[in-house]
């Protein structure tokens, strides 16, 4: 009788524990996680033998005014969401005639109504542009933004080969894009 009572007690404990565990799991599995509004993503491609990788957060327009609204003109922008965007070149490149050694760089921009400044910084691991300082700039390049007819809802980067040893890193968002041209060394 005593042995039977122990078995029944043990069975009740196990059943109760399993039921609690089962309930806990069921609650988790039926919950739907909200899709992030600015998901972390990347773009990459081979340009010749150079693997070019861009890592960024991709915010969406969602009906907002982007240029000189959400993204201020004439201020350094991390050119993405959450963390600073970075570009990694597996080989040395030249940008605007200047040697950029292989490695990882923060990609920042200073948007303007008619002209943008594109920046590669030796600082790449930071929250947005909070710790950005011009002293760490490797290169600055002035470019004119290209206006697009179609809306790019989510900020998107593409690495586009232009021949065997040349390429561009293109950022597109809303109805605008800017491109960082580079050449393999």
Protein backbone atom coordinates (compact mmCIF):
# COMPACT_ATOMS: atom_id res chain seq x y z
CA UNK A 1 0.00 0.00 0.00
CA UNK A 2 2.79 2.36 0.93
CA UNK A 3 4.57 1.55 -2.37
CA UNK A 4 1.34 2.13 -4.30
CA UNK A 5 0.86 5.49 -2.57
CA UNK A 6 4.41 6.55 -3.53
CA UNK A 7 3.79 5.56 -7.16
CA UNK A 8 0.49 7.47 -7.28
CA UNK A 9 2.09 10.54 -5.64
CA UNK A 10 5.00 10.39 -8.08
CA UNK A 11 2.59 10.02 -11.00
CA UNK A 12 0.59 13.07 -9.85
CA UNK A 13 3.77 15.16 -9.48
CA UNK A 14 4.98 14.13 -12.94
CA UNK A 15 1.57 14.78 -14.50
CA UNK A 16 1.29 18.20 -12.85
CA UNK A 17 4.84 19.13 -13.88
CA UNK A 18 4.24 17.93 -17.44
CA UNK A 19 0.92 19.79 -17.62
CA UNK A 20 2.57 23.02 -16.44
CA UNK A 21 5.43 22.52 -18.88
CA UNK A 22 3.04 21.63 -21.69
CA UNK A 23 0.94 24.72 -20.96
CA UNK A 24 4.04 26.90 -20.89
CA UNK A 25 5.23 25.57 -24.25
CA UNK A 26 1.82 25.88 -25.83
CA UNK A 27 1.58 29.52 -24.80
CA UNK A 28 4.97 30.26 -26.33
CA UNK A 29 4.28 28.44 -29.57
CA UNK A 30 0.96 30.19 -30.17
CA UNK A 31 2.37 33.67 -29.58
CA UNK A 32 3.22 35.53 -32.74
CA UNK A 33 6.31 37.67 -32.61
CA UNK A 34 5.98 41.12 -34.09
CA UNK A 35 8.05 41.55 -37.24
CA UNK A 36 10.81 44.10 -36.57
CA UNK A 37 10.19 47.46 -38.19
CA UNK A 38 13.87 47.83 -39.12
CA UNK A 39 15.24 44.30 -39.58
CA UNK A 40 18.96 43.62 -39.55
CA UNK A 41 20.12 42.44 -42.98
CA UNK A 42 23.07 42.44 -45.36
CA UNK A 43 24.12 42.63 -48.98
CA UNK A 44 27.18 41.08 -50.54
CA UNK A 45 28.75 40.20 -53.85
CA UNK A 46 32.03 39.25 -55.42
CA UNK A 47 33.66 41.99 -57.47
CA UNK A 48 36.48 40.14 -59.17
CA UNK A 49 38.21 38.32 -56.30
CA UNK A 50 37.04 40.89 -53.74
CA UNK A 51 34.20 39.83 -51.43
CA UNK A 52 32.28 42.99 -50.50
CA UNK A 53 29.86 42.72 -47.57
CA UNK A 54 27.46 45.40 -46.26
CA UNK A 55 25.71 44.95 -42.89
CA UNK A 56 22.81 47.28 -41.98
CA UNK A 57 19.42 47.82 -40.36
CA UNK A 58 16.65 48.32 -42.92
CA UNK A 59 13.94 50.81 -41.85
CA UNK A 60 10.79 51.30 -43.93
CA UNK A 61 9.16 54.47 -45.19
CA UNK A 62 5.71 53.61 -43.73
CA UNK A 63 4.21 56.86 -45.05
CA UNK A 64 6.77 59.09 -43.30
CA UNK A 65 8.72 62.01 -44.76
CA UNK A 66 12.25 60.60 -44.97
CA UNK A 67 14.54 63.29 -46.39
CA UNK A 68 14.83 66.34 -44.15
CA UNK A 69 12.21 64.65 -41.96
CA UNK A 70 13.14 61.34 -40.35
CA UNK A 71 16.68 61.80 -41.73
CA UNK A 72 17.90 65.36 -41.21
CA UNK A 73 19.83 67.23 -43.87
CA UNK A 74 23.40 68.34 -43.12
CA UNK A 75 23.89 65.93 -40.19
CA UNK A 76 25.88 62.69 -40.01
CA UNK A 77 23.60 59.68 -40.45
CA UNK A 78 24.47 56.02 -39.83
CA UNK A 79 22.75 55.24 -43.16
CA UNK A 80 20.60 52.51 -41.64
CA UNK A 81 18.87 51.72 -38.35
CA UNK A 82 19.93 50.64 -34.85
CA UNK A 83 23.69 50.17 -35.38
CA UNK A 84 26.03 51.91 -37.76
CA UNK A 85 26.13 50.38 -41.23
CA UNK A 86 29.46 48.77 -42.09
CA UNK A 87 31.19 47.70 -45.29
CA UNK A 88 33.87 45.01 -45.38
CA UNK A 89 36.28 44.70 -48.34
CA UNK A 90 38.26 41.44 -48.49
CA UNK A 91 40.91 43.16 -50.64
CA UNK A 92 42.41 46.63 -50.89
CA UNK A 93 40.37 49.07 -52.99
CA UNK A 94 40.75 52.60 -54.26
CA UNK A 95 37.97 55.12 -53.81
CA UNK A 96 38.24 58.50 -55.49
CA UNK A 97 41.94 57.79 -56.14
CA UNK A 98 42.74 56.98 -52.49
CA UNK A 99 43.90 53.56 -51.25
CA UNK A 100 41.50 51.96 -48.75
CA UNK A 101 43.13 48.87 -47.16
CA UNK A 102 41.08 45.68 -46.94
CA UNK A 103 38.95 45.58 -43.81
CA UNK A 104 35.74 46.73 -42.17
CA UNK A 105 34.59 50.35 -42.19
CA UNK A 106 31.65 52.30 -40.84
CA UNK A 107 29.57 53.78 -43.65
CA UNK A 108 28.09 57.17 -42.79
CA UNK A 109 26.52 59.87 -44.91
CA UNK A 110 25.66 63.53 -44.62
CA UNK A 111 22.50 63.88 -46.71
CA UNK A 112 21.72 67.17 -48.40
CA UNK A 113 19.00 68.40 -50.73
CA UNK A 114 21.31 68.47 -53.77
CA UNK A 115 24.53 66.79 -52.62
CA UNK A 116 25.53 64.05 -50.17
CA UNK A 117 28.82 63.32 -48.46
CA UNK A 118 29.67 59.60 -48.28
CA UNK A 119 32.05 58.64 -45.48
CA UNK A 120 34.09 55.53 -44.68
CA UNK A 121 35.28 55.56 -41.08
CA UNK A 122 37.70 53.30 -39.24
CA UNK A 123 35.01 53.22 -36.50
CA UNK A 124 32.42 50.66 -37.55
CA UNK A 125 31.04 49.19 -34.32
CA UNK A 126 28.75 51.78 -32.77
CA UNK A 127 25.12 52.58 -32.09
CA UNK A 128 23.87 54.75 -34.92
CA UNK A 129 26.22 57.74 -35.26
CA UNK A 130 26.37 58.42 -31.51
CA UNK A 131 30.16 58.08 -31.24
CA UNK A 132 31.02 59.27 -34.76
CA UNK A 133 34.05 61.56 -35.01
CA UNK A 134 35.50 62.96 -38.23
CA UNK A 135 39.04 62.16 -36.99
CA UNK A 136 38.41 58.49 -37.86
CA UNK A 137 37.35 59.19 -41.46
CA UNK A 138 39.28 57.20 -44.07
CA UNK A 139 37.54 58.79 -47.04
CA UNK A 140 34.91 61.44 -47.77
CA UNK A 141 33.30 61.67 -51.17
CA UNK A 142 30.72 64.16 -52.47
CA UNK A 143 28.00 62.68 -54.71
CA UNK A 144 24.72 63.79 -56.20
CA UNK A 145 21.72 61.68 -55.16
CA UNK A 146 19.84 59.96 -57.96
CA UNK A 147 16.06 60.38 -57.96
CA UNK A 148 14.05 57.22 -58.71
CA UNK A 149 10.51 57.06 -60.04
CA UNK A 150 9.60 53.95 -58.02
CA UNK A 151 9.36 53.87 -54.25
CA UNK A 152 11.88 51.71 -52.37
CA UNK A 153 9.86 51.03 -49.19
CA UNK A 154 12.68 49.44 -47.17
CA UNK A 155 16.19 50.87 -47.12
CA UNK A 156 18.23 48.57 -49.36
CA UNK A 157 21.90 48.15 -50.16
CA UNK A 158 23.29 46.39 -53.23
CA UNK A 159 26.85 45.57 -54.16
CA UNK A 160 26.94 45.93 -57.94
CA UNK A 161 29.94 44.68 -59.97
CA UNK A 162 30.78 46.94 -62.92
CA UNK A 163 33.30 44.83 -64.76
CA UNK A 164 35.94 42.56 -63.28
CA UNK A 165 37.64 45.02 -60.92
CA UNK A 166 35.15 47.84 -60.39
CA UNK A 167 31.92 48.07 -58.45
CA UNK A 168 29.59 50.26 -56.50
CA UNK A 169 27.83 50.00 -53.17
CA UNK A 170 24.36 51.48 -53.75
CA UNK A 171 21.96 52.57 -51.02
CA UNK A 172 18.35 53.12 -52.07
CA UNK A 173 15.46 54.32 -49.95
CA UNK A 174 12.20 56.13 -50.64
CA UNK A 175 12.77 57.66 -54.10
CA UNK A 176 16.48 58.30 -53.83
CA UNK A 177 19.75 56.40 -54.17
CA UNK A 178 23.44 57.17 -53.69
CA UNK A 179 26.40 55.11 -54.84
CA UNK A 180 29.93 54.59 -53.51
CA UNK A 181 32.19 53.60 -56.45
CA UNK A 182 35.34 51.56 -55.79
CA UNK A 183 38.03 49.76 -57.75
CA UNK A 184 39.97 46.69 -56.65
CA UNK A 185 43.66 47.38 -56.15
